[in-house]
Amino acid sequence: MLGRGTSAYIAIGFDKSALFSLQLVGSLCGHSSVSIFQEDVDSFMKQPGNETADAALRKLDEQYQKYKYMELNLSQKKLRLKNQIPQITQTLEILRHMQKKKETTEPMETHFLLADNVYCKATVPPTDKVCLWLGANVMLEYDIDEAQALLEKNLSTASRNLETLVEDLDFLRDQFTTIEVNMARVYNWDVKRRSRENLLKSAEKS
């Protein structure tokens, strides 16, 4: 059992990455490098760097791979956020419970994580202090009111960031579709070009 007094507090786990807004993958997810559907393939093939179908397809594939890398990056951030949001919500519930208990003399029965899958029972006296684990071996003490305000802000930020990630992933999926269609159109254009050249060569021989 912990001693009574203002120095008595419990540690509440918290991932520090929820303290900050996500840094999305720069200008590309800012949609400055949007893939455009190439309706006129003849005009597209006259652009610099598209001297051959192979060269044009390589450029499109490079752009496709760049988007795939971004998708992996954003998907990992999305997974981390989806794990963090329930943790923040759970921590807020604990803080609200402690808010109710701090003005009473009744201790709070709880269990804390001693090691992986090992919990220990503890009796926590009323307190107005908590510690938030920020990660990187850093833990800071807060008043319960301050901790609750901080976590509510972080929950709001994390939820907004998750919405932004979903939008950016939707944008990337649209880019995948556009690039795949463009690659197919360039490939078909090249097949038709070679077919015409073969017909001309056959006509010249005859």
C-alpha atoms as a PDB file:
ATOM      1  CA  MET A   1       0.000   0.000   0.000  1.00  0.00           C
ATOM      2  CA  LEU A   2       1.281   3.460  -0.922  1.00  0.00           C
ATOM      3  CA  GLY A   3       1.669   6.154   1.709  1.00  0.00           C
ATOM      4  CA  ARG A   4      -0.914   8.910   1.922  1.00  0.00           C
ATOM      5  CA  GLY A   5      -0.004  12.436   0.834  1.00  0.00           C
ATOM      6  CA  THR A   6       0.439  14.624  -2.193  1.00  0.00           C
ATOM      7  CA  SER A   7       3.546  12.687  -3.192  1.00  0.00           C
ATOM      8  CA  ALA A   8       1.527   9.513  -3.660  1.00  0.00           C
ATOM      9  CA  TYR A   9       0.743   8.894  -7.299  1.00  0.00           C
ATOM     10  CA  ILE A  10       0.455   6.151  -9.830  1.00  0.00           C
ATOM     11  CA  ALA A  11       2.147   5.884 -13.182  1.00  0.00           C
ATOM     12  CA  ILE A  12      -0.086   5.817 -16.220  1.00  0.00           C
ATOM     13  CA  GLY A  13       1.421   4.553 -19.457  1.00  0.00           C
ATOM     14  CA  PHE A  14       1.317   6.915 -22.429  1.00  0.00           C
ATOM     15  CA  ASP A  15       3.002   6.917 -25.840  1.00  0.00           C
ATOM     16  CA  LYS A  16       4.751  10.244 -26.481  1.00  0.00           C
ATOM     17  CA  SER A  17       4.149  10.082 -30.224  1.00  0.00           C
ATOM     18  CA  ALA A  18       0.536  11.054 -29.571  1.00  0.00           C
ATOM     19  CA  LEU A  19       1.823  14.393 -28.286  1.00  0.00           C
ATOM     20  CA  PHE A  20       2.656  15.564 -31.745  1.00  0.00           C
ATOM     21  CA  SER A  21       0.832  16.007 -35.029  1.00  0.00           C
ATOM     22  CA  LEU A  22       1.850  13.525 -37.688  1.00  0.00           C
ATOM     23  CA  GLN A  23       4.346  14.718 -40.246  1.00  0.00           C
ATOM     24  CA  LEU A  24       2.795  13.324 -43.417  1.00  0.00           C
ATOM     25  CA  VAL A  25       5.014  12.418 -46.318  1.00  0.00           C
ATOM     26  CA  GLY A  26       5.689  15.925 -47.614  1.00  0.00           C
ATOM     27  CA  SER A  27       4.619  17.389 -50.878  1.00  0.00           C
ATOM     28  CA  LEU A  28       3.437  14.176 -52.509  1.00  0.00           C
ATOM     29  CA  CYS A  29       0.661  13.628 -50.001  1.00  0.00           C
ATOM     30  CA  GLY A  30       0.094  17.347 -50.267  1.00  0.00           C
ATOM     31  CA  HIS A  31      -1.055  16.230 -53.717  1.00  0.00           C
ATOM     32  CA  SER A  32       1.532  18.286 -55.615  1.00  0.00           C
ATOM     33  CA  SER A  33       2.568  15.222 -57.615  1.00  0.00           C
ATOM     34  CA  VAL A  34      -0.780  13.993 -58.842  1.00  0.00           C
ATOM     35  CA  SER A  35      -0.841  11.353 -61.571  1.00  0.00           C
ATOM     36  CA  ILE A  36      -2.952  12.522 -64.505  1.00  0.00           C
ATOM     37  CA  PHE A  37      -4.943  10.152 -66.677  1.00  0.00           C
ATOM     38  CA  GLN A  38      -3.287  10.171 -70.105  1.00  0.00           C
ATOM     39  CA  GLU A  39      -6.161  10.262 -72.538  1.00  0.00           C
ATOM     40  CA  ASP A  40      -3.950  11.272 -75.478  1.00  0.00           C
ATOM     41  CA  VAL A  41      -1.104   8.779 -75.415  1.00  0.00           C
ATOM     42  CA  ASP A  42       0.418  10.160 -78.639  1.00  0.00           C
ATOM     43  CA  SER A  43       0.893  13.563 -76.983  1.00  0.00           C
ATOM     44  CA  PHE A  44       2.156  11.902 -73.800  1.00  0.00           C
ATOM     45  CA  MET A  45       4.814   9.990 -75.743  1.00  0.00           C
ATOM     46  CA  LYS A  46       6.095  13.264 -77.256  1.00  0.00           C
ATOM     47  CA  GLN A  47       6.922  14.646 -73.811  1.00  0.00           C
ATOM     48  CA  PRO A  48      10.619  14.853 -72.776  1.00  0.00           C
ATOM     49  CA  GLY A  49      11.870  11.565 -71.352  1.00  0.00           C
ATOM     50  CA  ASN A  50       9.262   9.488 -73.209  1.00  0.00           C
ATOM     51  CA  GLU A  51      11.378   8.789 -76.294  1.00  0.00           C
ATOM     52  CA  THR A  52      10.452   5.086 -76.116  1.00  0.00           C
ATOM     53  CA  ALA A  53       7.651   3.082 -74.551  1.00  0.00           C
ATOM     54  CA  ASP A  54      10.189   1.391 -72.257  1.00  0.00           C
ATOM     55  CA  ALA A  55      11.403   4.770 -71.010  1.00  0.00           C
ATOM     56  CA  ALA A  56       7.836   5.973 -70.384  1.00  0.00           C
ATOM     57  CA  LEU A  57       6.929   2.747 -68.594  1.00  0.00           C
ATOM     58  CA  ARG A  58      10.041   3.015 -66.411  1.00  0.00           C
ATOM     59  CA  LYS A  59       9.051   6.546 -65.375  1.00  0.00           C
ATOM     60  CA  LEU A  60       5.524   5.425 -64.548  1.00  0.00           C
ATOM     61  CA  ASP A  61       6.820   2.426 -62.614  1.00  0.00           C
ATOM     62  CA  GLU A  62       9.184   4.660 -60.605  1.00  0.00           C
ATOM     63  CA  GLN A  63       6.252   6.864 -59.674  1.00  0.00           C
ATOM     64  CA  TYR A  64       4.181   3.785 -58.800  1.00  0.00           C
ATOM     65  CA  GLN A  65       6.931   2.420 -56.516  1.00  0.00           C
ATOM     66  CA  LYS A  66       7.268   5.828 -54.850  1.00  0.00           C
ATOM     67  CA  TYR A  67       3.553   5.804 -54.056  1.00  0.00           C
ATOM     68  CA  LYS A  68       3.805   2.216 -52.764  1.00  0.00           C
ATOM     69  CA  TYR A  69       6.568   3.264 -50.388  1.00  0.00           C
ATOM     70  CA  MET A  70       4.410   6.147 -49.176  1.00  0.00           C
ATOM     71  CA  GLU A  71       1.448   3.806 -48.704  1.00  0.00           C
ATOM     72  CA  LEU A  72       3.570   1.507 -46.510  1.00  0.00           C
ATOM     73  CA  ASN A  73       4.752   4.507 -44.492  1.00  0.00           C
ATOM     74  CA  LEU A  74       1.257   5.885 -43.961  1.00  0.00           C
ATOM     75  CA  SER A  75      -0.239   2.457 -43.233  1.00  0.00           C
ATOM     76  CA  GLN A  76       2.282   1.946 -40.432  1.00  0.00           C
ATOM     77  CA  LYS A  77       1.419   5.362 -38.963  1.00  0.00           C
ATOM     78  CA  LYS A  78      -2.269   4.534 -39.229  1.00  0.00           C
ATOM     79  CA  LEU A  79      -1.735   1.256 -37.348  1.00  0.00           C
ATOM     80  CA  ARG A  80       0.201   3.040 -34.587  1.00  0.00           C
ATOM     81  CA  LEU A  81      -2.536   5.651 -34.218  1.00  0.00           C
ATOM     82  CA  LYS A  82      -5.286   3.023 -34.125  1.00  0.00           C
ATOM     83  CA  ASN A  83      -3.396   1.384 -31.255  1.00  0.00           C
ATOM     84  CA  GLN A  84      -2.732   4.669 -29.442  1.00  0.00           C
ATOM     85  CA  ILE A  85      -6.264   6.062 -29.484  1.00  0.00           C
ATOM     86  CA  PRO A  86      -7.743   3.248 -27.303  1.00  0.00           C
ATOM     87  CA  GLN A  87      -4.755   3.585 -24.933  1.00  0.00           C
ATOM     88  CA  ILE A  88      -5.351   7.322 -24.525  1.00  0.00           C
ATOM     89  CA  THR A  89      -9.084   6.734 -24.065  1.00  0.00           C
ATOM     90  CA  GLN A  90      -8.447   4.102 -21.398  1.00  0.00           C
ATOM     91  CA  THR A  91      -6.000   6.372 -19.591  1.00  0.00           C
ATOM     92  CA  LEU A  92      -8.572   9.178 -19.606  1.00  0.00           C
ATOM     93  CA  GLU A  93     -11.110   6.845 -18.022  1.00  0.00           C
ATOM     94  CA  ILE A  94      -8.607   6.066 -15.247  1.00  0.00           C
ATOM     95  CA  LEU A  95      -7.980   9.777 -14.685  1.00  0.00           C
ATOM     96  CA  ARG A  96     -11.698  10.521 -14.456  1.00  0.00           C
ATOM     97  CA  HIS A  97     -12.052   7.762 -11.883  1.00  0.00           C
ATOM     98  CA  MET A  98      -9.151   9.224  -9.904  1.00  0.00           C
ATOM     99  CA  GLN A  99     -10.772  12.664 -10.097  1.00  0.00           C
ATOM    100  CA  LYS A 100     -13.777  11.284  -8.261  1.00  0.00           C
ATOM    101  CA  LYS A 101     -11.600   9.562  -5.661  1.00  0.00           C
ATOM    102  CA  LYS A 102      -9.150  12.374  -4.857  1.00  0.00           C
ATOM    103  CA  GLU A 103     -11.546  14.260  -2.579  1.00  0.00           C
ATOM    104  CA  THR A 104     -12.416  11.150  -0.565  1.00  0.00           C
ATOM    105  CA  THR A 105     -10.521   9.109   1.981  1.00  0.00           C
ATOM    106  CA  GLU A 106     -11.340   5.823   0.308  1.00  0.00           C
ATOM    107  CA  PRO A 107      -8.300   4.163  -1.355  1.00  0.00           C
ATOM    108  CA  MET A 108      -8.474   2.791  -4.874  1.00  0.00           C
ATOM    109  CA  GLU A 109      -7.829  -0.884  -5.530  1.00  0.00           C
ATOM    110  CA  THR A 110      -5.976  -1.498  -8.773  1.00  0.00           C
ATOM    111  CA  HIS A 111      -3.467  -3.744 -10.529  1.00  0.00           C
ATOM    112  CA  PHE A 112      -0.257  -2.568 -12.153  1.00  0.00           C
ATOM    113  CA  LEU A 113       1.961  -4.249 -14.707  1.00  0.00           C
ATOM    114  CA  LEU A 114       5.011  -5.723 -13.002  1.00  0.00           C
ATOM    115  CA  ALA A 115       6.405  -7.545 -16.042  1.00  0.00           C
ATOM    116  CA  ASP A 116       5.046  -8.966 -19.282  1.00  0.00           C
ATOM    117  CA  ASN A 117       1.682 -10.564 -18.423  1.00  0.00           C
ATOM    118  CA  VAL A 118       2.455 -10.235 -14.689  1.00  0.00           C
ATOM    119  CA  TYR A 119       0.258  -7.895 -12.650  1.00  0.00           C
ATOM    120  CA  CYS A 120       0.466  -6.939  -8.986  1.00  0.00           C
ATOM    121  CA  LYS A 121      -2.391  -5.746  -6.793  1.00  0.00           C
ATOM    122  CA  ALA A 122      -1.994  -2.294  -5.246  1.00  0.00           C
ATOM    123  CA  THR A 123      -3.961  -0.016  -2.950  1.00  0.00           C
ATOM    124  CA  VAL A 124      -3.646   3.625  -4.011  1.00  0.00           C
ATOM    125  CA  PRO A 125      -4.662   6.368  -1.564  1.00  0.00           C
ATOM    126  CA  PRO A 126      -6.474   9.479  -2.835  1.00  0.00           C
ATOM    127  CA  THR A 127      -3.994  11.681  -4.717  1.00  0.00           C
ATOM    128  CA  ASP A 128      -3.957  14.694  -6.983  1.00  0.00           C
ATOM    129  CA  LYS A 129      -0.812  13.603  -8.850  1.00  0.00           C
ATOM    130  CA  VAL A 130      -0.194  11.173 -11.698  1.00  0.00           C
ATOM    131  CA  CYS A 131       2.770  10.376 -13.886  1.00  0.00           C
ATOM    132  CA  LEU A 132       2.522  10.040 -17.653  1.00  0.00           C
ATOM    133  CA  TRP A 133       5.018   7.756 -19.321  1.00  0.00           C
ATOM    134  CA  LEU A 134       6.256   9.676 -22.378  1.00  0.00           C
ATOM    135  CA  GLY A 135       8.546   6.964 -23.706  1.00  0.00           C
ATOM    136  CA  ALA A 136      12.351   6.993 -24.162  1.00  0.00           C
ATOM    137  CA  ASN A 137      12.675   6.391 -20.390  1.00  0.00           C
ATOM    138  CA  VAL A 138      10.936   9.693 -19.658  1.00  0.00           C
ATOM    139  CA  MET A 139       8.121  10.024 -17.132  1.00  0.00           C
ATOM    140  CA  LEU A 140       6.640  13.348 -16.013  1.00  0.00           C
ATOM    141  CA  GLU A 141       4.451  14.163 -13.035  1.00  0.00           C
ATOM    142  CA  TYR A 142       1.239  16.136 -13.586  1.00  0.00           C
ATOM    143  CA  ASP A 143      -1.693  17.325 -11.572  1.00  0.00           C
ATOM    144  CA  ILE A 144      -4.696  15.196 -12.484  1.00  0.00           C
ATOM    145  CA  ASP A 145      -6.415  18.203 -14.074  1.00  0.00           C
ATOM    146  CA  GLU A 146      -3.346  18.984 -16.189  1.00  0.00           C
ATOM    147  CA  ALA A 147      -2.934  15.350 -17.216  1.00  0.00           C
ATOM    148  CA  GLN A 148      -6.587  15.098 -18.210  1.00  0.00           C
ATOM    149  CA  ALA A 149      -6.398  18.300 -20.291  1.00  0.00           C
ATOM    150  CA  LEU A 150      -3.220  17.073 -22.002  1.00  0.00           C
ATOM    151  CA  LEU A 151      -4.667  13.660 -22.839  1.00  0.00           C
ATOM    152  CA  GLU A 152      -7.933  15.143 -24.120  1.00  0.00           C
ATOM    153  CA  LYS A 153      -5.911  17.391 -26.424  1.00  0.00           C
ATOM    154  CA  ASN A 154      -3.785  14.453 -27.578  1.00  0.00           C
ATOM    155  CA  LEU A 155      -6.867  12.325 -28.197  1.00  0.00           C
ATOM    156  CA  SER A 156      -8.359  15.066 -30.358  1.00  0.00           C
ATOM    157  CA  THR A 157      -5.077  15.451 -32.271  1.00  0.00           C
ATOM    158  CA  ALA A 158      -4.685  11.707 -32.778  1.00  0.00           C
ATOM    159  CA  SER A 159      -8.272  11.405 -34.066  1.00  0.00           C
ATOM    160  CA  ARG A 160      -7.736  14.247 -36.556  1.00  0.00           C
ATOM    161  CA  ASN A 161      -4.457  12.723 -37.713  1.00  0.00           C
ATOM    162  CA  LEU A 162      -6.158   9.379 -38.251  1.00  0.00           C
ATOM    163  CA  GLU A 163      -8.801  11.031 -40.430  1.00  0.00           C
ATOM    164  CA  THR A 164      -6.061  12.742 -42.454  1.00  0.00           C
ATOM    165  CA  LEU A 165      -4.217   9.440 -42.904  1.00  0.00           C
ATOM    166  CA  VAL A 166      -7.363   7.752 -44.183  1.00  0.00           C
ATOM    167  CA  GLU A 167      -7.835  10.571 -46.718  1.00  0.00           C
ATOM    168  CA  ASP A 168      -4.200  10.360 -47.856  1.00  0.00           C
ATOM    169  CA  LEU A 169      -4.417   6.582 -48.254  1.00  0.00           C
ATOM    170  CA  ASP A 170      -7.551   7.022 -50.353  1.00  0.00           C
ATOM    171  CA  PHE A 171      -5.636   9.548 -52.479  1.00  0.00           C
ATOM    172  CA  LEU A 172      -2.800   7.048 -52.970  1.00  0.00           C
ATOM    173  CA  ARG A 173      -5.212   4.318 -54.053  1.00  0.00           C
ATOM    174  CA  ASP A 174      -6.568   6.666 -56.720  1.00  0.00           C
ATOM    175  CA  GLN A 175      -2.997   7.282 -57.868  1.00  0.00           C
ATOM    176  CA  PHE A 176      -2.325   3.541 -58.114  1.00  0.00           C
ATOM    177  CA  THR A 177      -5.355   3.107 -60.342  1.00  0.00           C
ATOM    178  CA  THR A 178      -4.418   6.062 -62.568  1.00  0.00           C
ATOM    179  CA  ILE A 179      -0.813   4.912 -62.998  1.00  0.00           C
ATOM    180  CA  GLU A 180      -1.851   1.312 -63.717  1.00  0.00           C
ATOM    181  CA  VAL A 181      -4.286   2.506 -66.398  1.00  0.00           C
ATOM    182  CA  ASN A 182      -1.621   4.813 -67.893  1.00  0.00           C
ATOM    183  CA  MET A 183       0.900   1.961 -68.025  1.00  0.00           C
ATOM    184  CA  ALA A 184      -1.632  -0.264 -69.772  1.00  0.00           C
ATOM    185  CA  ARG A 185      -2.424   2.476 -72.304  1.00  0.00           C
ATOM    186  CA  VAL A 186       1.274   3.086 -73.049  1.00  0.00           C
ATOM    187  CA  TYR A 187       1.846  -0.655 -73.451  1.00  0.00           C
ATOM    188  CA  ASN A 188      -1.120  -0.981 -75.835  1.00  0.00           C
ATOM    189  CA  TRP A 189       0.048   2.105 -77.743  1.00  0.00           C
ATOM    190  CA  ASP A 190       3.442   0.464 -78.237  1.00  0.00           C
ATOM    191  CA  VAL A 191       1.876  -2.817 -79.366  1.00  0.00           C
ATOM    192  CA  LYS A 192      -0.158  -0.947 -81.997  1.00  0.00           C
ATOM    193  CA  ARG A 193       2.907   1.050 -83.095  1.00  0.00           C
ATOM    194  CA  ARG A 194       4.985  -2.083 -83.586  1.00  0.00           C
ATOM    195  CA  SER A 195       2.100  -3.748 -85.395  1.00  0.00           C
ATOM    196  CA  ARG A 196       1.891  -0.806 -87.833  1.00  0.00           C
ATOM    197  CA  GLU A 197       5.641  -0.891 -88.386  1.00  0.00           C
ATOM    198  CA  ASN A 198       5.540  -4.616 -89.109  1.00  0.00           C
ATOM    199  CA  LEU A 199       2.696  -4.111 -91.610  1.00  0.00           C
ATOM    200  CA  LEU A 200       4.662  -1.363 -93.350  1.00  0.00           C
ATOM    201  CA  LYS A 201       7.757  -3.538 -93.535  1.00  0.00           C
ATOM    202  CA  SER A 202       5.675  -6.413 -94.943  1.00  0.00           C
ATOM    203  CA  ALA A 203       4.111  -4.079 -97.532  1.00  0.00           C
ATOM    204  CA  GLU A 204       7.524  -2.766 -98.578  1.00  0.00           C
ATOM    205  CA  LYS A 205       8.873  -6.284 -99.058  1.00  0.00           C
ATOM    206  CA  SER A 206       5.916  -7.311-101.177  1.00  0.00           C
END
